[in-house]
C-alpha atoms as a PDB file:
ATOM      1  CA  MET A   1      88.467  -5.650  56.693  1.00  0.00           C
ATOM      2  CA  SER A   2      89.183  -2.579  59.435  1.00  0.00           C
ATOM      3  CA  ALA A   3      86.683   0.126  60.110  1.00  0.00           C
ATOM      4  CA  ASP A   4      90.016   2.576  59.127  1.00  0.00           C
ATOM      5  CA  GLY A   5      89.964   1.457  55.313  1.00  0.00           C
ATOM      6  CA  ALA A   6      93.606   0.182  55.598  1.00  0.00           C
ATOM      7  CA  ASN A   7      92.231  -3.022  53.915  1.00  0.00           C
ATOM      8  CA  THR A   8      90.416  -1.380  50.976  1.00  0.00           C
ATOM      9  CA  PRO A   9      92.244  -0.737  47.664  1.00  0.00           C
ATOM     10  CA  TRP A  10      93.029   2.264  46.368  1.00  0.00           C
ATOM     11  CA  HIS A  11      90.586   1.341  43.372  1.00  0.00           C
ATOM     12  CA  LEU A  12      87.596   1.191  45.513  1.00  0.00           C
ATOM     13  CA  TRP A  13      88.026   5.094  45.568  1.00  0.00           C
ATOM     14  CA  LEU A  14      88.697   5.816  41.920  1.00  0.00           C
ATOM     15  CA  ILE A  15      85.907   3.061  40.817  1.00  0.00           C
ATOM     16  CA  GLY A  16      83.478   3.896  43.389  1.00  0.00           C
ATOM     17  CA  ALA A  17      83.823   7.737  42.877  1.00  0.00           C
ATOM     18  CA  LEU A  18      83.732   7.466  38.918  1.00  0.00           C
ATOM     19  CA  GLY A  19      80.824   5.926  38.953  1.00  0.00           C
ATOM     20  CA  VAL A  20      78.979   7.946  41.670  1.00  0.00           C
ATOM     21  CA  LEU A  21      79.984  10.847  38.380  1.00  0.00           C
ATOM     22  CA  TRP A  22      78.423   8.952  35.876  1.00  0.00           C
ATOM     23  CA  ASN A  23      75.341   7.548  37.199  1.00  0.00           C
ATOM     24  CA  GLY A  24      75.000  10.781  38.238  1.00  0.00           C
ATOM     25  CA  LEU A  25      74.962  12.273  35.360  1.00  0.00           C
ATOM     26  CA  GLY A  26      72.119   9.225  34.088  1.00  0.00           C
ATOM     27  CA  CYS A  27      69.718  10.657  37.143  1.00  0.00           C
ATOM     28  CA  TYR A  28      71.042  14.284  35.937  1.00  0.00           C
ATOM     29  CA  ILE A  29      69.605  13.400  32.226  1.00  0.00           C
ATOM     30  CA  TYR A  30      66.503  11.238  33.378  1.00  0.00           C
ATOM     31  CA  THR A  31      65.417  14.058  36.171  1.00  0.00           C
ATOM     32  CA  MET A  32      65.076  16.939  33.119  1.00  0.00           C
ATOM     33  CA  ALA A  33      63.416  14.137  31.070  1.00  0.00           C
ATOM     34  CA  MET A  34      60.512  13.812  33.358  1.00  0.00           C
ATOM     35  CA  THR A  35      60.494  16.883  34.576  1.00  0.00           C
ATOM     36  CA  ARG A  36      60.277  18.134  30.167  1.00  0.00           C
ATOM     37  CA  ASP A  37      63.271  20.402  30.556  1.00  0.00           C
ATOM     38  CA  PRO A  38      62.797  22.980  28.491  1.00  0.00           C
ATOM     39  CA  GLU A  39      66.315  23.225  27.190  1.00  0.00           C
ATOM     40  CA  THR A  40      67.403  19.493  27.394  1.00  0.00           C
ATOM     41  CA  LEU A  41      64.322  19.218  25.199  1.00  0.00           C
ATOM     42  CA  ALA A  42      65.442  21.795  22.822  1.00  0.00           C
ATOM     43  CA  SER A  43      68.929  20.556  22.359  1.00  0.00           C
ATOM     44  CA  ALA A  44      67.694  16.896  22.113  1.00  0.00           C
ATOM     45  CA  PRO A  45      66.632  15.824  18.025  1.00  0.00           C
ATOM     46  CA  PRO A  46      62.942  15.728  17.166  1.00  0.00           C
ATOM     47  CA  GLU A  47      62.809  12.155  17.081  1.00  0.00           C
ATOM     48  CA  MET A  48      64.352  11.744  20.226  1.00  0.00           C
ATOM     49  CA  VAL A  49      61.710  14.362  22.235  1.00  0.00           C
ATOM     50  CA  ALA A  50      59.375  12.156  20.005  1.00  0.00           C
ATOM     51  CA  ALA A  51      60.127   8.928  21.657  1.00  0.00           C
ATOM     52  CA  LEU A  52      60.306  10.500  24.926  1.00  0.00           C
ATOM     53  CA  GLU A  53      56.783  11.837  24.994  1.00  0.00           C
ATOM     54  CA  ALA A  54      55.770   8.345  23.662  1.00  0.00           C
ATOM     55  CA  ALA A  55      57.099   6.209  26.076  1.00  0.00           C
ATOM     56  CA  PRO A  56      55.157   4.122  28.319  1.00  0.00           C
ATOM     57  CA  ALA A  57      55.577   4.808  32.366  1.00  0.00           C
ATOM     58  CA  TRP A  58      57.256   0.851  32.728  1.00  0.00           C
ATOM     59  CA  SER A  59      59.755   1.894  30.028  1.00  0.00           C
ATOM     60  CA  ASN A  60      60.212   5.185  32.090  1.00  0.00           C
ATOM     61  CA  GLY A  61      60.409   3.100  35.174  1.00  0.00           C
ATOM     62  CA  ALA A  62      62.861   0.763  33.964  1.00  0.00           C
ATOM     63  CA  TRP A  63      64.788   4.118  33.010  1.00  0.00           C
ATOM     64  CA  ALA A  64      64.795   5.061  37.027  1.00  0.00           C
ATOM     65  CA  PHE A  65      65.589   1.829  37.993  1.00  0.00           C
ATOM     66  CA  GLY A  66      68.591   1.692  36.245  1.00  0.00           C
ATOM     67  CA  VAL A  67      70.239   5.234  36.562  1.00  0.00           C
ATOM     68  CA  TRP A  68      69.227   5.783  40.632  1.00  0.00           C
ATOM     69  CA  GLY A  69      70.106   1.725  41.192  1.00  0.00           C
ATOM     70  CA  GLY A  70      73.426   2.787  39.267  1.00  0.00           C
ATOM     71  CA  LEU A  71      73.817   6.065  41.206  1.00  0.00           C
ATOM     72  CA  ALA A  72      73.162   4.071  44.907  1.00  0.00           C
ATOM     73  CA  GLY A  73      74.901   0.866  43.902  1.00  0.00           C
ATOM     74  CA  SER A  74      77.871   3.713  43.103  1.00  0.00           C
ATOM     75  CA  LEU A  75      77.529   5.100  46.677  1.00  0.00           C
ATOM     76  CA  LEU A  76      76.746   1.974  48.844  1.00  0.00           C
ATOM     77  CA  LEU A  77      80.533   0.432  46.725  1.00  0.00           C
ATOM     78  CA  LEU A  78      82.222   3.860  48.236  1.00  0.00           C
ATOM     79  CA  ALA A  79      81.191   2.709  51.691  1.00  0.00           C
ATOM     80  CA  ARG A  80      82.086  -1.106  51.165  1.00  0.00           C
ATOM     81  CA  SER A  81      78.530  -2.565  51.703  1.00  0.00           C
ATOM     82  CA  ARG A  82      77.713  -6.009  50.683  1.00  0.00           C
ATOM     83  CA  PHE A  83      74.809  -4.448  49.335  1.00  0.00           C
ATOM     84  CA  ALA A  84      76.218  -2.415  46.479  1.00  0.00           C
ATOM     85  CA  VAL A  85      75.923  -6.016  43.982  1.00  0.00           C
ATOM     86  CA  PRO A  86      72.253  -6.774  44.683  1.00  0.00           C
ATOM     87  CA  VAL A  87      71.526  -3.011  44.024  1.00  0.00           C
ATOM     88  CA  PHE A  88      74.450  -2.920  40.672  1.00  0.00           C
ATOM     89  CA  VAL A  89      71.376  -6.350  39.478  1.00  0.00           C
ATOM     90  CA  VAL A  90      68.894  -4.166  40.122  1.00  0.00           C
ATOM     91  CA  SER A  91      70.272  -1.482  37.955  1.00  0.00           C
ATOM     92  CA  LEU A  92      71.087  -3.915  34.995  1.00  0.00           C
ATOM     93  CA  LEU A  93      67.525  -4.820  35.505  1.00  0.00           C
ATOM     94  CA  GLY A  94      65.935  -1.374  34.858  1.00  0.00           C
ATOM     95  CA  LEU A  95      68.589  -1.657  31.466  1.00  0.00           C
ATOM     96  CA  VAL A  96      67.684  -4.158  30.367  1.00  0.00           C
ATOM     97  CA  GLY A  97      63.900  -3.089  30.507  1.00  0.00           C
ATOM     98  CA  THR A  98      65.345   0.359  28.940  1.00  0.00           C
ATOM     99  CA  THR A  99      67.080  -1.945  26.213  1.00  0.00           C
ATOM    100  CA  TYR A 100      64.318  -3.682  25.552  1.00  0.00           C
ATOM    101  CA  TYR A 101      61.483  -0.697  24.889  1.00  0.00           C
ATOM    102  CA  GLU A 102      64.304   0.649  22.851  1.00  0.00           C
ATOM    103  CA  ILE A 103      64.830  -2.148  20.533  1.00  0.00           C
ATOM    104  CA  THR A 104      60.766  -3.234  19.979  1.00  0.00           C
ATOM    105  CA  TRP A 105      59.917   0.405  19.972  1.00  0.00           C
ATOM    106  CA  ASP A 106      62.426   1.374  17.436  1.00  0.00           C
ATOM    107  CA  VAL A 107      63.142   4.227  19.475  1.00  0.00           C
ATOM    108  CA  PRO A 108      66.721   6.052  17.621  1.00  0.00           C
ATOM    109  CA  VAL A 109      69.513   5.590  19.264  1.00  0.00           C
ATOM    110  CA  ASP A 110      73.116   5.987  19.512  1.00  0.00           C
ATOM    111  CA  GLU A 111      75.077   2.616  19.378  1.00  0.00           C
ATOM    112  CA  VAL A 112      78.469   3.263  20.741  1.00  0.00           C
ATOM    113  CA  GLN A 113      76.408   5.313  23.894  1.00  0.00           C
ATOM    114  CA  ARG A 114      74.346   2.018  24.348  1.00  0.00           C
ATOM    115  CA  LEU A 115      77.369  -0.233  24.300  1.00  0.00           C
ATOM    116  CA  THR A 116      79.029   2.291  26.726  1.00  0.00           C
ATOM    117  CA  ILE A 117      76.599   2.005  28.994  1.00  0.00           C
ATOM    118  CA  TRP A 118      76.429  -1.611  29.188  1.00  0.00           C
ATOM    119  CA  GLY A 119      80.114  -1.626  29.216  1.00  0.00           C
ATOM    120  CA  ALA A 120      79.764   0.308  32.566  1.00  0.00           C
ATOM    121  CA  ALA A 121      77.147  -1.419  33.919  1.00  0.00           C
ATOM    122  CA  LEU A 122      77.944  -4.310  33.336  1.00  0.00           C
ATOM    123  CA  PHE A 123      81.952  -3.688  35.000  1.00  0.00           C
ATOM    124  CA  LEU A 124      80.544  -2.367  37.861  1.00  0.00           C
ATOM    125  CA  LEU A 125      78.139  -5.086  38.971  1.00  0.00           C
ATOM    126  CA  PHE A 126      81.113  -7.363  38.155  1.00  0.00           C
ATOM    127  CA  TYR A 127      83.628  -4.507  40.253  1.00  0.00           C
ATOM    128  CA  SER A 128      81.700  -4.891  43.077  1.00  0.00           C
ATOM    129  CA  TRP A 129      81.049  -8.487  42.527  1.00  0.00           C
ATOM    130  CA  SER A 130      84.986  -9.233  42.870  1.00  0.00           C
ATOM    131  CA  MET A 131      85.487  -6.802  46.077  1.00  0.00           C
ATOM    132  CA  ARG A 132      82.831  -8.747  47.920  1.00  0.00           C
ATOM    133  CA  LYS A 133      84.265 -11.963  46.872  1.00  0.00           C
ATOM    134  CA  ARG A 134      87.472 -10.830  48.055  1.00  0.00           C
ATOM    135  CA  GLY A 135      86.188  -9.757  51.724  1.00  0.00           C
ATOM    136  CA  VAL A 136      86.518  -6.027  50.701  1.00  0.00           C
ATOM    137  CA  LEU A 137      82.484  -5.297  51.225  1.00  0.00           C
ATOM    138  CA  GLY A 138      80.920  -5.993  54.248  1.00  0.00           C
END
C-alpha cells in the first residue's frame, strides 16, 4: 500500500464517510440523552424518557462504547488503520450490551431501527476486516 492512497479503493472513502455520519448521529443522540437535553426529551415518547431515566449505568456505558467505538472505528477506517477492526469489535460488544438491556428490561424499541443498527455495525466490522485482509488497512 502506498502512502498516497493509490491502492485505496474508492468505496473505502464512501463507506468510511457514511460510517462517520451514521455513528456521529449516534454520538449526538447519546450526548443529548446523557445530558438530558430538554428539547430531545420533549420530542421523545414518554415511555422512552422513562426507560432512559431508569437505565442502569452499565447499559449507558455499553451504549457509549457502541456509538463512540463506531465513530472511532469509522475514523480509523478513513485513516486506513488496521486498528479499525478491533475498535469495531468493541463497538459491536457495546451494541450487544445495549441490546441485552433493551430485551431483558422490556425497553420500548423500534425493531426496524434495532435491525438497521445491527446491520450497520456488522457491515462496518465485516468491511474493515475484509479491507485489512486485502492489505488496504496497514
